[in-house]
Protein backbone atom coordinates (compact mmCIF):
# COMPACT_ATOMS: atom_id res chain seq x y z
CA MET A 1 21.25 1.14 46.72
CA HIS A 2 17.68 1.99 46.30
CA ASP A 3 16.34 5.65 46.51
CA GLU A 4 14.75 5.83 49.92
CA SER A 5 11.80 7.93 48.57
CA GLY A 6 11.28 5.16 45.66
CA ARG A 7 9.01 7.74 43.92
CA GLY A 8 9.72 9.13 40.47
CA VAL A 9 12.61 6.93 39.88
CA ALA A 10 13.66 4.27 37.56
CA MET A 11 12.69 0.87 38.18
CA THR A 12 15.24 -0.53 40.83
CA LYS A 13 16.97 -3.71 40.22
CA HIS A 14 18.09 -6.46 42.31
CA ALA A 15 19.24 -10.05 41.58
CA VAL A 16 16.60 -11.40 44.12
CA VAL A 17 13.67 -9.89 46.05
CA ILE A 18 12.18 -11.39 49.05
CA ALA A 19 8.61 -10.75 50.00
CA GLY A 20 8.27 -11.01 53.58
CA GLY A 21 10.95 -9.92 56.33
CA GLY A 22 9.75 -12.61 59.04
CA PRO A 23 12.42 -15.37 60.17
CA THR A 24 12.56 -17.21 56.88
CA GLY A 25 12.93 -13.90 54.67
CA LEU A 26 15.58 -12.63 56.92
CA MET A 27 17.49 -15.93 56.92
CA LEU A 28 17.35 -16.19 53.26
CA ALA A 29 18.40 -12.72 52.92
CA GLY A 30 21.54 -13.37 55.03
CA GLU A 31 22.50 -16.32 53.20
CA LEU A 32 22.27 -14.89 49.72
CA ALA A 33 24.16 -11.75 51.26
CA LEU A 34 27.01 -14.17 52.32
CA ALA A 35 27.01 -15.29 48.67
CA ARG A 36 27.44 -11.62 47.60
CA VAL A 37 24.08 -11.72 45.82
CA ASP A 38 22.37 -8.21 45.58
CA VAL A 39 19.31 -9.09 47.51
CA ALA A 40 16.36 -7.08 49.05
CA ILE A 41 13.62 -7.65 51.18
CA VAL A 42 9.93 -5.91 51.02
CA GLU A 43 8.24 -6.04 54.41
CA ARG A 44 4.77 -4.42 55.23
CA ARG A 45 5.75 -3.46 58.83
CA GLU A 46 7.67 -0.10 59.58
CA SER A 47 10.21 -1.68 62.00
CA GLN A 48 10.68 -5.45 63.17
CA ASP A 49 8.20 -4.98 65.87
CA LEU A 50 5.92 -8.11 66.20
CA GLU A 51 2.23 -8.19 67.93
CA GLY A 52 2.26 -11.33 70.39
CA LEU A 53 4.90 -13.65 71.32
CA ARG A 54 4.28 -16.16 68.56
CA ALA A 55 6.63 -19.16 67.98
CA GLY A 56 8.43 -20.07 71.10
CA GLY A 57 11.62 -21.18 70.26
CA LEU A 58 14.40 -23.10 68.42
CA TYR A 59 15.28 -26.92 67.99
CA ILE A 60 18.46 -28.74 67.51
CA ARG A 61 19.06 -28.31 63.74
CA THR A 62 17.90 -24.59 63.73
CA ILE A 63 20.44 -23.74 66.03
CA GLU A 64 23.13 -25.77 64.35
CA VAL A 65 22.41 -23.68 61.12
CA LEU A 66 22.81 -20.60 62.87
CA ASP A 67 26.04 -22.06 64.48
CA GLN A 68 26.98 -22.61 60.99
CA ARG A 69 26.99 -18.97 60.34
CA GLY A 70 28.53 -17.87 63.57
CA ILE A 71 25.47 -16.23 64.98
CA ALA A 72 24.10 -19.14 67.33
CA ASP A 73 25.32 -17.25 70.47
CA ARG A 74 23.28 -14.23 69.62
CA PHE A 75 20.36 -16.28 70.07
CA ILE A 76 21.62 -18.65 73.08
CA SER A 77 22.54 -15.53 74.99
CA GLN A 78 18.75 -14.52 75.17
CA GLY A 79 16.79 -17.77 75.13
CA GLN A 80 16.18 -20.44 77.82
CA VAL A 81 17.71 -23.92 77.49
CA PHE A 82 15.48 -26.70 78.01
CA ARG A 83 16.97 -30.72 78.10
CA SER A 84 13.30 -31.88 77.56
CA ALA A 85 10.38 -31.51 74.82
CA PRO A 86 6.89 -31.88 75.35
CA PHE A 87 4.91 -34.96 74.49
CA ALA A 88 1.36 -36.12 75.00
CA ARG A 89 0.94 -34.48 78.32
CA GLY A 90 4.90 -35.31 79.21
CA THR A 91 8.26 -34.71 78.54
CA LEU A 92 10.84 -36.41 76.70
CA ASP A 93 14.53 -35.91 77.74
CA ILE A 94 16.51 -34.48 74.42
CA SER A 95 19.99 -34.41 76.22
CA ASP A 96 21.42 -37.82 74.90
CA ILE A 97 21.03 -36.84 71.15
CA PRO A 98 24.66 -36.70 69.74
CA ALA A 99 24.61 -33.02 68.86
CA ARG A 100 26.48 -30.15 70.55
CA HIS A 101 23.29 -28.20 70.89
CA ASN A 102 20.96 -30.89 72.29
CA TYR A 103 18.31 -28.95 73.74
CA TYR A 104 15.52 -26.49 72.91
CA LEU A 105 15.86 -23.34 73.05
CA GLY A 106 13.15 -21.07 74.53
CA LEU A 107 12.93 -17.78 72.58
CA TRP A 108 9.97 -16.08 71.54
CA GLN A 109 9.59 -14.99 67.93
CA TYR A 110 9.83 -11.20 68.16
CA ARG A 111 13.50 -11.72 69.75
CA THR A 112 14.68 -14.30 67.15
CA GLU A 113 13.35 -11.77 64.56
CA ARG A 114 15.45 -8.78 66.12
CA ILE A 115 18.54 -10.89 66.15
CA LEU A 116 17.99 -11.92 62.56
CA ALA A 117 17.37 -8.45 61.28
CA ASP A 118 20.35 -6.98 63.05
CA TRP A 119 22.48 -9.89 61.35
CA VAL A 120 20.95 -8.90 57.94
CA SER A 121 21.40 -5.24 58.45
CA GLU A 122 25.22 -5.67 59.26
CA LEU A 123 25.38 -7.59 55.93
CA GLY A 124 24.00 -4.41 54.14
CA VAL A 125 20.66 -6.00 53.04
CA PRO A 126 18.14 -2.85 52.09
CA ILE A 127 14.70 -3.41 53.46
CA TYR A 128 11.77 -1.54 51.70
CA ARG A 129 9.38 -1.23 54.70
CA ARG A 130 5.97 -0.02 54.79
CA SER A 131 5.37 -1.85 51.49
CA GLU A 132 3.97 -4.95 50.03
CA VAL A 133 4.42 -6.79 46.85
CA THR A 134 1.09 -6.46 44.93
CA GLY A 135 1.90 -8.02 41.76
CA PHE A 136 4.57 -9.56 39.38
CA ALA A 137 5.13 -10.68 36.10
CA GLN A 138 7.99 -12.83 35.23
CA ASP A 139 9.97 -13.44 31.88
CA ASP A 140 12.55 -15.63 30.42
CA ALA A 141 15.10 -13.22 32.12
CA GLY A 142 13.36 -12.08 35.06
CA VAL A 143 10.65 -10.87 37.29
CA ASP A 144 8.95 -7.47 37.20
CA VAL A 145 7.75 -6.46 40.78
CA GLU A 146 5.11 -4.16 41.69
CA LEU A 147 4.92 -2.81 45.12
CA SER A 148 2.05 -0.95 46.92
CA ASP A 149 3.66 2.29 47.21
CA GLY A 150 3.87 2.75 43.84
CA ARG A 151 7.53 1.45 43.30
CA SER A 152 8.80 -1.11 40.77
CA LEU A 153 11.54 -3.67 41.31
CA ARG A 154 13.34 -5.81 38.74
CA ALA A 155 14.81 -9.00 39.86
CA LYS A 156 16.05 -12.34 38.43
CA TYR A 157 14.36 -14.22 41.21
CA LEU A 158 11.24 -13.51 43.19
CA VAL A 159 11.13 -15.67 46.50
CA GLY A 160 7.62 -15.62 48.57
CA CYS A 161 8.38 -15.73 52.25
CA ASP A 162 4.98 -13.97 52.69
CA GLY A 163 3.12 -16.37 55.00
CA GLY A 164 0.39 -19.03 54.97
CA ARG A 165 -1.71 -16.42 52.80
CA SER A 166 1.03 -16.06 50.51
CA LEU A 167 0.05 -13.63 47.81
CA ILE A 168 3.28 -14.79 45.80
CA ARG A 169 1.93 -18.23 45.80
CA LYS A 170 -1.45 -17.14 44.64
CA LYS A 171 -0.38 -15.31 42.03
CA ALA A 172 2.13 -17.62 40.80
CA GLY A 173 -0.93 -20.12 40.42
CA ILE A 174 0.61 -22.59 42.78
CA ASP A 175 -1.77 -24.92 44.10
CA PHE A 176 -2.21 -25.22 47.93
CA PRO A 177 -3.74 -28.93 48.58
CA GLY A 178 -4.26 -30.19 51.95
CA TRP A 179 -6.83 -30.67 54.94
CA ASP A 180 -9.28 -28.29 56.09
CA PRO A 181 -9.30 -26.91 59.81
CA SER A 182 -11.19 -29.37 62.14
CA THR A 183 -11.01 -26.91 65.26
CA SER A 184 -9.70 -23.47 65.99
CA TYR A 185 -8.02 -21.67 68.76
CA LEU A 186 -7.64 -18.18 70.36
CA ILE A 187 -4.19 -16.89 71.46
CA ALA A 188 -4.63 -13.37 73.41
CA GLU A 189 -2.80 -11.02 75.90
CA VAL A 190 -5.35 -9.35 78.03
CA GLU A 191 -5.89 -7.92 81.35
CA MET A 192 -8.58 -9.41 83.90
CA ALA A 193 -10.31 -8.13 87.05
CA GLU A 194 -10.09 -11.61 88.79
CA GLU A 195 -7.40 -14.33 89.14
CA PRO A 196 -7.90 -17.01 86.74
CA GLU A 197 -7.23 -20.79 86.91
CA TRP A 198 -3.48 -20.88 85.97
CA GLY A 199 -2.28 -23.78 83.91
CA ILE A 200 -3.63 -26.15 81.56
CA ARG A 201 -6.98 -27.49 81.16
CA ARG A 202 -7.87 -30.41 78.65
CA GLY A 203 -10.79 -30.01 76.41
CA GLU A 204 -12.15 -32.44 73.96
CA LYS A 205 -10.77 -30.76 70.98
CA GLY A 206 -7.25 -30.20 72.61
CA ILE A 207 -5.71 -27.62 75.30
CA ASN A 208 -6.50 -24.41 77.23
CA ALA A 209 -3.83 -22.48 78.91
CA ILE A 210 -3.60 -19.29 81.13
CA GLY A 211 -0.23 -17.83 82.13
CA LYS A 212 1.02 -14.73 83.46
CA LEU A 213 3.25 -12.82 80.97
CA GLU A 214 6.59 -10.95 82.27
CA ASP A 215 4.97 -7.99 83.61
CA GLY A 216 3.17 -9.78 86.18
CA LYS A 217 -0.10 -8.05 85.46
CA SER A 218 -1.12 -9.08 81.95
CA VAL A 219 -2.24 -12.86 81.32
CA ARG A 220 -1.31 -15.02 78.06
CA MET A 221 -3.95 -17.55 76.91
CA VAL A 222 -4.62 -20.20 74.63
CA LEU A 223 -8.36 -21.25 74.34
CA SER A 224 -10.02 -23.77 71.72
CA GLU A 225 -13.02 -22.51 70.26
CA PRO A 226 -15.92 -25.14 70.76
CA PRO A 227 -17.63 -24.27 67.26
CA LEU A 228 -15.10 -24.00 64.70
CA ALA A 229 -14.29 -20.31 63.67
CA GLN A 230 -12.29 -18.77 60.92
CA GLY A 231 -11.36 -15.26 60.10
CA ASP A 232 -8.59 -12.88 60.49
CA LYS A 233 -9.78 -10.61 62.99
CA PRO A 234 -11.14 -12.15 66.35
CA THR A 235 -12.47 -9.73 68.70
CA LEU A 236 -12.48 -9.26 72.55
CA ARG A 237 -16.17 -10.73 72.54
CA ASP A 238 -14.79 -13.87 70.74
CA VAL A 239 -12.26 -14.41 73.77
CA ARG A 240 -15.12 -13.61 76.33
CA GLU A 241 -17.23 -16.34 74.78
CA ALA A 242 -14.36 -18.63 74.61
CA LEU A 243 -13.55 -18.17 78.31
CA ILE A 244 -17.12 -18.64 79.14
CA ALA A 245 -17.39 -22.07 77.23
CA VAL A 246 -14.39 -23.39 78.56
CA TYR A 247 -14.08 -22.06 82.13
CA GLY A 248 -17.71 -20.87 82.91
CA THR A 249 -16.64 -17.13 83.63
CA ASP A 250 -14.75 -14.66 81.89
CA TYR A 251 -12.75 -13.47 84.94
CA GLY A 252 -13.61 -9.95 84.46
CA LEU A 253 -12.09 -9.50 81.24
CA ARG A 254 -11.39 -5.96 80.52
CA SER A 255 -9.12 -5.44 77.62
CA ALA A 256 -6.82 -7.14 75.15
CA THR A 257 -3.36 -6.05 73.59
CA TYR A 258 -3.28 -8.79 71.31
CA ILE A 259 -5.79 -11.25 69.54
CA SER A 260 -4.82 -13.94 67.21
CA ARG A 261 -6.66 -16.99 65.75
CA PHE A 262 -4.88 -20.21 64.56
CA THR A 263 -6.43 -23.57 63.19
CA ASP A 264 -5.24 -27.24 62.33
CA MET A 265 -5.52 -26.55 58.78
CA ALA A 266 -2.72 -28.43 56.98
CA ARG A 267 -1.79 -27.37 53.60
CA GLN A 268 1.32 -27.62 51.46
CA ALA A 269 2.20 -26.22 48.09
CA ALA A 270 2.18 -28.43 45.07
CA SER A 271 5.24 -27.10 43.75
CA TYR A 272 7.96 -24.64 45.77
CA ARG A 273 8.97 -23.42 42.27
CA ASN A 274 7.07 -21.59 39.28
CA ASN A 275 10.07 -20.55 37.10
CA ARG A 276 11.63 -17.84 38.65
CA VAL A 277 9.36 -17.41 41.36
CA LEU A 278 10.10 -19.66 44.65
CA LEU A 279 8.24 -20.19 48.14
CA ALA A 280 9.67 -20.74 51.33
CA GLY A 281 8.32 -20.86 55.05
CA ASP A 282 4.73 -20.49 55.75
CA ALA A 283 4.19 -19.55 52.15
CA ALA A 284 5.06 -23.10 51.20
CA HIS A 285 3.42 -25.03 54.04
CA VAL A 286 0.74 -24.24 56.90
CA HIS A 287 0.03 -26.61 59.90
CA SER A 288 -0.98 -26.51 63.71
CA PRO A 289 1.51 -24.83 65.90
CA MET A 290 1.53 -27.97 67.92
CA GLY A 291 5.36 -29.36 68.16
CA GLY A 292 6.50 -25.87 67.40
CA GLN A 293 7.68 -26.80 63.88
CA GLY A 294 6.78 -23.73 61.62
CA LEU A 295 9.32 -21.06 62.17
CA ASN A 296 12.23 -24.00 62.60
CA ILE A 297 11.35 -25.69 59.18
CA GLY A 298 10.98 -21.97 57.48
CA VAL A 299 14.71 -21.06 58.46
CA GLN A 300 15.75 -24.56 57.47
CA ASP A 301 13.90 -24.08 54.09
CA ALA A 302 15.99 -20.63 53.70
CA VAL A 303 19.51 -22.29 54.37
CA ASN A 304 18.80 -24.73 51.68
CA LEU A 305 17.65 -22.37 49.09
CA GLY A 306 20.21 -19.72 49.87
CA TRP A 307 23.23 -21.36 48.70
CA LYS A 308 21.53 -22.96 45.37
CA LEU A 309 19.84 -19.69 44.41
CA ALA A 310 23.29 -17.78 44.77
CA GLN A 311 25.02 -20.31 42.46
CA VAL A 312 22.29 -19.80 40.07
CA VAL A 313 22.33 -16.20 39.97
CA HIS A 314 26.00 -16.14 39.70
CA GLY A 315 25.95 -18.45 36.66
CA THR A 316 28.09 -20.99 38.65
CA SER A 317 25.34 -23.85 38.30
CA PRO A 318 22.46 -24.27 35.77
CA GLU A 319 19.33 -23.15 36.65
CA SER A 320 18.37 -27.05 37.25
CA LEU A 321 20.13 -26.80 40.66
CA LEU A 322 16.95 -25.10 41.93
CA ASP A 323 14.87 -28.30 41.08
CA THR A 324 16.78 -29.79 43.99
CA TYR A 325 15.27 -27.07 46.39
CA HIS A 326 11.85 -28.82 46.01
CA ALA A 327 13.09 -32.11 45.73
CA GLU A 328 14.73 -32.02 49.15
CA ARG A 329 12.39 -29.51 51.26
CA HIS A 330 8.95 -30.95 49.97
CA PRO A 331 9.19 -34.40 51.59
CA VAL A 332 10.34 -32.49 54.68
CA GLY A 333 7.33 -30.32 54.85
CA ALA A 334 5.19 -33.15 54.14
CA ARG A 335 6.53 -34.94 57.20
CA VAL A 336 5.93 -31.92 59.30
CA LEU A 337 2.27 -31.50 58.39
CA ARG A 338 1.77 -35.41 59.21
CA ASN A 339 3.49 -34.84 62.30
CA THR A 340 1.61 -31.81 63.52
CA MET A 341 -1.76 -33.55 62.19
CA ALA A 342 -0.79 -36.58 64.57
CA LEU A 343 0.05 -34.29 67.51
CA THR A 344 -2.97 -32.34 67.26
CA ALA A 345 -5.13 -35.30 67.35
CA LEU A 346 -3.13 -36.98 70.24
CA ASP A 347 -3.94 -33.85 72.31
CA ARG A 348 -7.43 -34.36 72.29
CA SER A 349 -9.77 -35.84 75.06
CA ASP A 350 -12.06 -38.57 74.59
CA ASP A 351 -11.49 -42.35 75.86
CA ARG A 352 -10.02 -43.55 72.64
CA ILE A 353 -7.35 -40.75 72.15
CA GLU A 354 -6.52 -41.49 76.03
CA ALA A 355 -5.70 -44.75 75.41
CA LEU A 356 -3.75 -44.19 72.24
CA ARG A 357 -1.83 -41.37 74.46
CA GLY A 358 -1.11 -43.97 77.17
CA MET A 359 0.24 -46.53 74.60
CA MET A 360 2.46 -43.66 72.83
CA SER A 361 3.66 -42.44 76.14
CA GLU A 362 4.87 -46.06 77.16
CA LEU A 363 6.60 -46.76 74.01
CA MET A 364 8.29 -43.40 74.58
CA GLN A 365 9.91 -44.77 77.63
CA ARG A 366 12.14 -46.94 75.53
CA ASP A 367 15.37 -45.05 74.42
CA ALA A 368 15.21 -45.99 70.74
CA PRO A 369 11.66 -44.71 69.73
CA ARG A 370 12.07 -41.47 72.19
CA GLN A 371 15.46 -40.78 70.35
CA GLN A 372 13.85 -41.56 67.01
CA TYR A 373 10.92 -39.25 67.77
CA VAL A 374 13.23 -36.34 69.18
CA ALA A 375 15.73 -36.32 66.14
CA MET A 376 12.69 -36.17 63.96
CA MET A 377 11.07 -33.16 65.47
CA SER A 378 14.70 -31.74 65.87
CA GLY A 379 15.37 -31.95 62.46
CA VAL A 380 18.61 -33.97 63.02
CA ASP A 381 17.45 -36.83 61.18
CA ILE A 382 16.99 -35.39 57.84
CA ASN A 383 18.31 -37.48 55.08
CA TYR A 384 18.28 -36.16 51.80
CA ASP A 385 18.07 -38.66 48.95
CA LEU A 386 21.66 -38.45 47.34
CA GLY A 387 21.67 -42.32 46.33
CA GLU A 388 23.14 -45.21 47.77
CA GLY A 389 26.25 -44.91 49.87
CA HIS A 390 27.82 -44.09 53.46
CA PRO A 391 25.24 -43.39 56.04
CA LEU A 392 26.56 -39.79 56.22
CA LEU A 393 25.50 -39.22 52.59
CA GLY A 394 22.70 -36.61 52.59
CA ARG A 395 22.93 -36.22 56.34
CA ARG A 396 24.00 -33.44 58.22
CA MET A 397 27.38 -33.17 58.91
CA PRO A 398 28.40 -33.53 62.70
CA ASP A 399 30.04 -30.67 64.42
CA LEU A 400 33.12 -32.42 65.10
CA ASP A 401 36.39 -30.92 66.71
CA VAL A 402 38.95 -31.32 64.42
CA VAL A 403 42.59 -30.45 64.31
CA ILE A 404 43.55 -28.39 61.18
CA THR A 405 47.02 -26.43 60.15
CA ASP A 406 46.00 -23.40 62.35
CA GLY A 407 45.29 -25.56 65.43
CA PRO A 408 41.94 -27.10 66.71
CA GLN A 409 38.41 -26.07 65.15
CA ARG A 410 34.98 -27.00 65.04
CA VAL A 411 33.56 -28.15 61.31
CA PHE A 412 30.53 -25.64 61.97
CA ALA A 413 33.14 -22.77 62.13
CA LEU A 414 34.52 -23.77 58.70
CA LEU A 415 31.23 -22.95 57.33
CA HIS A 416 30.51 -19.51 58.51
CA ASP A 417 31.37 -17.97 55.04
CA ALA A 418 28.43 -20.28 53.79
CA ARG A 419 30.91 -21.66 51.22
CA PRO A 420 30.98 -25.43 50.58
CA VAL A 421 34.20 -27.11 52.28
CA PHE A 422 36.20 -30.39 51.32
CA LEU A 423 37.09 -31.90 54.65
CA ASN A 424 40.12 -34.24 53.56
CA LEU A 425 40.47 -36.57 56.90
CA GLY A 426 43.20 -38.80 55.33
CA GLU A 427 46.67 -38.28 54.01
CA PRO A 428 47.43 -34.23 53.02
CA GLY A 429 46.95 -33.76 49.23
CA ALA A 430 45.61 -37.03 48.68
CA PHE A 431 42.71 -35.63 46.72
CA ASP A 432 42.74 -33.22 43.70
CA ILE A 433 39.85 -30.75 43.58
CA THR A 434 41.74 -27.96 41.68
CA PRO A 435 39.28 -27.31 38.94
CA TRP A 436 36.60 -26.17 41.76
CA ALA A 437 39.29 -24.57 44.22
CA ALA A 438 38.00 -20.96 43.69
CA ARG A 439 34.56 -22.21 44.60
CA VAL A 440 35.07 -25.08 47.45
CA ARG A 441 37.44 -24.51 50.52
CA ARG A 442 39.75 -27.54 50.96
CA VAL A 443 40.74 -28.53 54.29
CA ASP A 444 43.04 -30.93 55.50
CA ALA A 445 42.31 -32.31 59.12
CA ARG A 446 42.70 -34.79 61.75
CA TYR A 447 40.02 -36.41 63.48
CA ALA A 448 40.39 -38.97 65.94
CA GLY A 449 37.09 -39.61 67.80
CA ALA A 450 34.04 -41.75 67.02
CA TRP A 451 31.60 -40.72 64.43
CA GLU A 452 28.08 -40.97 65.67
CA LEU A 453 24.83 -39.75 64.03
CA PRO A 454 21.51 -39.28 65.55
CA VAL A 455 19.34 -42.39 65.42
CA LEU A 456 21.84 -44.37 63.37
CA GLY A 457 24.62 -44.39 66.24
CA ALA A 458 28.30 -45.17 65.22
CA VAL A 459 29.25 -45.04 61.70
CA ALA A 460 32.63 -45.84 59.90
CA ALA A 461 35.01 -42.95 59.88
CA PRO A 462 35.37 -41.59 56.02
CA THR A 463 38.62 -40.65 54.80
CA ALA A 464 37.12 -37.29 53.23
CA VAL A 465 33.55 -35.43 52.90
CA LEU A 466 32.34 -32.84 50.79
CA ILE A 467 30.28 -30.54 52.73
CA ARG A 468 27.58 -28.52 51.11
CA PRO A 469 27.01 -24.54 52.59
CA ASP A 470 23.86 -25.93 54.23
CA GLY A 471 25.87 -28.31 56.34
CA TYR A 472 24.64 -31.47 54.73
CA VAL A 473 27.21 -34.17 53.15
CA ALA A 474 27.49 -34.18 49.54
CA TRP A 475 29.83 -37.07 48.93
CA VAL A 476 31.93 -39.27 51.24
CA GLY A 477 35.40 -40.69 50.34
CA GLU A 478 36.01 -44.23 51.66
CA GLY A 479 39.74 -44.49 50.39
CA THR A 480 39.11 -43.50 46.84
CA ASP A 481 37.92 -40.21 45.00
CA GLN A 482 35.12 -42.16 43.21
CA GLY A 483 32.24 -39.95 42.20
CA LEU A 484 33.81 -36.86 43.70
CA GLY A 485 34.30 -34.79 40.35
CA ASP A 486 30.62 -35.99 39.64
CA ALA A 487 29.68 -34.67 42.99
CA LEU A 488 31.41 -31.44 42.84
CA THR A 489 30.11 -30.89 39.39
CA THR A 490 26.35 -31.71 40.26
CA TRP A 491 26.56 -29.56 43.40
CA PHE A 492 29.10 -26.51 42.79
CA GLY A 493 29.16 -26.25 38.82
CA PRO A 494 31.26 -27.62 36.07
CA PRO A 495 35.04 -27.88 36.48
CA THR A 496 37.18 -24.80 35.65
CA ALA A 497 40.31 -24.97 33.27
CA PRO A 498 43.53 -24.70 35.19
CA THR A 499 45.11 -21.21 35.14
CA GLY A 500 47.39 -20.96 31.94
CA SER A 501 45.90 -23.91 30.17
């Protein structure tokens, strides 16, 4: 454990240092801690307190990955379940998606962060608070990390989870190509002397919305700024000018407890890795908050990276396993950028956009396009390219209710310790994975129900599946063990010799 003062002591060592203790950094720290990796977080905030409400909730796949770790109920108990999702001034039903958590969970980011921080604390992860990474230098064996409070850390790997303006990304020399902003918005929590126009008002560049906060006195608003504005520190004057431009009055604006600005800029890191430095979350991709994708995709980045980084740190797998992090998550990020750009355009108000919105809304009344859209936004249609084969290959494993030796069990419960699972659904003992027995949990199970995947529908029942710690299927058995050894080696390292040989 590190020295709390941090001053006048030798360089502190950790296997992994994470810059940034937001949702992505916290989730990654939890994943690494479950894999018994010595991980630490560097976070500039003194506590987990967060200004403003920020991201508004969790989609299906994010709830699923939390369920895979046995902590989903912590979030569900504090959130609000919605069986529909917004689209083009209307809503779309999501309750028929074949998933246990087929809903959107309304939960403000400050609550999400606190729950994750409590979990990470239970796992014993140290957090260097009131500090930021100011620089680093990597060599063949690790990374020297300099902190703003004068401390120095030494790590095998450094992960930038430090947001859209990521210092880690910049100092690693990773390009951040994309699209410049075309419009900007203000989010503010304010007090007013007069009662405003509640609800949503559409503008040429997008929506404006005013609503009451939980205390019944304060007002939360999202305002489009007619001239594009940029900068980190919008003022009360900016809010007043935006109100007058949209509503013709500032409603007796008195004060603000929180003001923030966002744009529809869309950028993505050209690479999610530079040797021993990796990126996740907003450090790897920024976009409009339209569609509520940011927090969700960041948490899912972390779950994809965590087990891979742990295996490399432990020497179980070669460093080349980390290449699959970029290969799998970069296309997902690129699609999110495309989707948020499309949704931002669809929310504008001119005659041609109105016509497009009407056409899209009409199409979405049909089940097939609606389900495909919802699955895409929810993250349950992700299909990592693991080659040709059964439709399950490269997709999320459904949370089936199976029967194992101990009785009924959910598949996600088998993943609580973030270890891979070989789920044998055929004859007990039909497959031999002895050379990987120390790394892969083998479970003999029975399942009699239908296999159904989002968008694809019914698929043939496999005889066995190899499930990665992130819940994605790495191999599917269809009566034989063809390719099983290769899949085990690819994802979980080369085989070990049997004891006594």
